[in-house]
Amino acid sequence: MLVRGSSQSDFADAFEDVIRQAPPAGNVPRTYELKRSWAEQGGFVGIFYYVDVEVIGQDVEGQA
């Protein structure tokens, strides 16, 4: 499952945003694989950091 994380601080916080959105369930291991990262700057917000992360695990929807 692909999950997008974002942060106004940095890429690490954006990655942690993904983990908060798709936390492991109990003792089932998960893998978080970074697929894409980028930053957008401009407007009144300043810089926004984004990451697309593939979440892999036995309990993840769409996984066999």
N, C-alpha and C. Protein backbone atom coordinates (compact mmCIF):
# COMPACT_ATOMS: atom_id res chain seq x y z
N MET A 1 0.85 -1.16 0.00
CA MET A 1 0.00 0.00 0.00
C MET A 1 0.90 1.23 0.00
N LEU A 2 0.60 2.19 -0.85
CA LEU A 2 1.38 3.42 -0.94
C LEU A 2 0.75 4.48 -0.04
N VAL A 3 1.56 5.08 0.81
CA VAL A 3 1.08 6.09 1.76
C VAL A 3 1.91 7.35 1.57
N ARG A 4 1.25 8.50 1.58
CA ARG A 4 1.94 9.79 1.45
C ARG A 4 2.02 10.46 2.82
N GLY A 5 3.22 10.88 3.16
CA GLY A 5 3.43 11.62 4.40
C GLY A 5 3.89 13.03 4.07
N SER A 6 3.64 13.96 5.00
CA SER A 6 4.05 15.34 4.76
C SER A 6 4.43 16.00 6.08
N SER A 7 5.23 17.06 5.95
CA SER A 7 5.67 17.80 7.12
C SER A 7 6.14 19.19 6.69
N GLN A 8 6.03 20.14 7.58
CA GLN A 8 6.60 21.46 7.35
C GLN A 8 8.00 21.56 7.94
N SER A 9 8.45 20.51 8.64
CA SER A 9 9.75 20.53 9.30
C SER A 9 10.87 19.96 8.44
N ASP A 10 10.75 18.67 8.09
CA ASP A 10 11.81 18.00 7.31
C ASP A 10 11.31 16.66 6.80
N PHE A 11 12.17 15.98 6.03
CA PHE A 11 11.79 14.70 5.44
C PHE A 11 11.60 13.62 6.51
N ALA A 12 12.39 13.66 7.57
CA ALA A 12 12.27 12.67 8.64
C ALA A 12 10.88 12.73 9.27
N ASP A 13 10.38 13.92 9.52
CA ASP A 13 9.03 14.07 10.08
C ASP A 13 7.97 13.60 9.09
N ALA A 14 8.20 13.81 7.81
CA ALA A 14 7.26 13.34 6.80
C ALA A 14 7.23 11.81 6.80
N PHE A 15 8.38 11.17 6.97
CA PHE A 15 8.45 9.71 7.03
C PHE A 15 7.74 9.20 8.28
N GLU A 16 7.94 9.87 9.41
CA GLU A 16 7.25 9.50 10.64
C GLU A 16 5.74 9.66 10.50
N ASP A 17 5.30 10.62 9.70
CA ASP A 17 3.88 10.81 9.42
C ASP A 17 3.30 9.56 8.76
N VAL A 18 4.06 8.94 7.86
CA VAL A 18 3.62 7.70 7.22
C VAL A 18 3.46 6.59 8.25
N ILE A 19 4.43 6.46 9.14
CA ILE A 19 4.37 5.41 10.16
C ILE A 19 3.17 5.63 11.09
N ARG A 20 2.86 6.87 11.41
CA ARG A 20 1.67 7.15 12.23
C ARG A 20 0.38 6.79 11.49
N GLN A 21 0.37 6.97 10.17
CA GLN A 21 -0.82 6.65 9.38
C GLN A 21 -0.99 5.15 9.18
N ALA A 22 0.11 4.40 9.14
CA ALA A 22 0.06 2.95 8.88
C ALA A 22 0.95 2.22 9.88
N PRO A 23 0.57 2.24 11.17
CA PRO A 23 1.42 1.61 12.18
C PRO A 23 1.33 0.08 12.10
N PRO A 24 2.35 -0.61 12.59
CA PRO A 24 2.28 -2.06 12.63
C PRO A 24 1.15 -2.51 13.56
N ALA A 25 0.55 -3.65 13.24
CA ALA A 25 -0.53 -4.21 14.06
C ALA A 25 0.05 -5.31 14.93
N GLY A 26 0.17 -5.05 16.22
CA GLY A 26 0.71 -6.05 17.13
C GLY A 26 2.15 -6.38 16.82
N ASN A 27 2.43 -7.70 16.72
CA ASN A 27 3.80 -8.16 16.48
C ASN A 27 4.08 -8.45 15.01
N VAL A 28 3.16 -8.06 14.12
CA VAL A 28 3.34 -8.30 12.70
C VAL A 28 4.35 -7.29 12.16
N PRO A 29 5.48 -7.79 11.60
CA PRO A 29 6.49 -6.85 11.09
C PRO A 29 6.01 -6.13 9.83
N ARG A 30 6.47 -4.92 9.67
CA ARG A 30 6.19 -4.13 8.47
C ARG A 30 7.47 -3.55 7.94
N THR A 31 7.48 -3.36 6.63
CA THR A 31 8.60 -2.70 5.96
C THR A 31 8.08 -1.41 5.36
N TYR A 32 8.83 -0.33 5.56
CA TYR A 32 8.49 0.98 5.01
C TYR A 32 9.58 1.35 4.01
N GLU A 33 9.24 1.34 2.72
CA GLU A 33 10.22 1.57 1.68
C GLU A 33 9.95 2.91 0.98
N LEU A 34 10.90 3.81 1.06
CA LEU A 34 10.77 5.12 0.45
C LEU A 34 10.77 4.99 -1.07
N LYS A 35 9.73 5.50 -1.72
CA LYS A 35 9.61 5.44 -3.17
C LYS A 35 9.90 6.78 -3.82
N ARG A 36 9.51 7.86 -3.16
CA ARG A 36 9.66 9.19 -3.76
C ARG A 36 9.68 10.23 -2.65
N SER A 37 10.47 11.27 -2.84
CA SER A 37 10.49 12.39 -1.90
C SER A 37 10.65 13.69 -2.68
N TRP A 38 10.01 14.74 -2.19
CA TRP A 38 10.13 16.04 -2.84
C TRP A 38 9.71 17.13 -1.86
N ALA A 39 10.08 18.35 -2.20
CA ALA A 39 9.73 19.52 -1.39
C ALA A 39 9.12 20.57 -2.29
N GLU A 40 8.18 21.30 -1.72
CA GLU A 40 7.55 22.42 -2.43
C GLU A 40 7.76 23.66 -1.58
N GLN A 41 8.14 24.76 -2.25
CA GLN A 41 8.39 26.01 -1.55
C GLN A 41 7.60 27.11 -2.21
N GLY A 42 7.03 27.98 -1.39
CA GLY A 42 6.32 29.13 -1.92
C GLY A 42 5.07 29.43 -1.12
N GLY A 43 4.51 30.58 -1.41
CA GLY A 43 3.30 30.99 -0.70
C GLY A 43 3.58 31.32 0.75
N PHE A 44 2.51 31.41 1.52
CA PHE A 44 2.64 31.80 2.93
C PHE A 44 3.09 30.63 3.81
N VAL A 45 3.05 29.40 3.31
CA VAL A 45 3.40 28.23 4.10
C VAL A 45 4.90 28.04 4.20
N GLY A 46 5.64 28.41 3.20
CA GLY A 46 7.08 28.18 3.17
C GLY A 46 7.38 26.86 2.49
N ILE A 47 8.19 26.02 3.12
CA ILE A 47 8.57 24.74 2.54
C ILE A 47 7.71 23.62 3.12
N PHE A 48 7.22 22.74 2.25
CA PHE A 48 6.51 21.54 2.65
C PHE A 48 7.28 20.35 2.12
N TYR A 49 7.50 19.33 2.96
CA TYR A 49 8.23 18.13 2.58
C TYR A 49 7.24 16.98 2.43
N TYR A 50 7.42 16.18 1.36
CA TYR A 50 6.53 15.06 1.09
C TYR A 50 7.33 13.80 0.83
N VAL A 51 6.76 12.66 1.20
CA VAL A 51 7.33 11.35 0.86
C VAL A 51 6.20 10.41 0.48
N ASP A 52 6.46 9.57 -0.51
CA ASP A 52 5.59 8.44 -0.84
C ASP A 52 6.32 7.19 -0.39
N VAL A 53 5.66 6.40 0.45
CA VAL A 53 6.30 5.24 1.05
C VAL A 53 5.43 4.01 0.80
N GLU A 54 6.07 2.91 0.35
CA GLU A 54 5.38 1.64 0.19
C GLU A 54 5.41 0.92 1.54
N VAL A 55 4.22 0.57 2.05
CA VAL A 55 4.09 -0.14 3.31
C VAL A 55 3.84 -1.61 2.98
N ILE A 56 4.72 -2.48 3.46
CA ILE A 56 4.66 -3.90 3.13
C ILE A 56 4.57 -4.71 4.42
N GLY A 57 3.64 -5.67 4.44
CA GLY A 57 3.50 -6.56 5.59
C GLY A 57 2.35 -7.52 5.38
N GLN A 58 2.31 -8.59 6.17
CA GLN A 58 1.27 -9.61 6.03
C GLN A 58 -0.13 -9.07 6.28
N ASP A 59 -0.24 -8.05 7.13
CA ASP A 59 -1.56 -7.52 7.49
C ASP A 59 -1.96 -6.29 6.68
N VAL A 60 -1.16 -5.95 5.66
CA VAL A 60 -1.44 -4.78 4.84
C VAL A 60 -2.43 -5.16 3.74
N GLU A 61 -3.43 -4.31 3.53
CA GLU A 61 -4.42 -4.57 2.49
C GLU A 61 -3.75 -4.72 1.12
N GLY A 62 -4.21 -5.68 0.36
CA GLY A 62 -3.67 -5.90 -0.98
C GLY A 62 -2.42 -6.76 -1.00
N GLN A 63 -1.96 -7.20 0.16
CA GLN A 63 -0.79 -8.06 0.25
C GLN A 63 -1.26 -9.51 0.42
N ALA A 64 -0.58 -10.44 -0.17
CA ALA A 64 -0.94 -11.86 -0.04
C ALA A 64 -0.14 -12.50 1.07
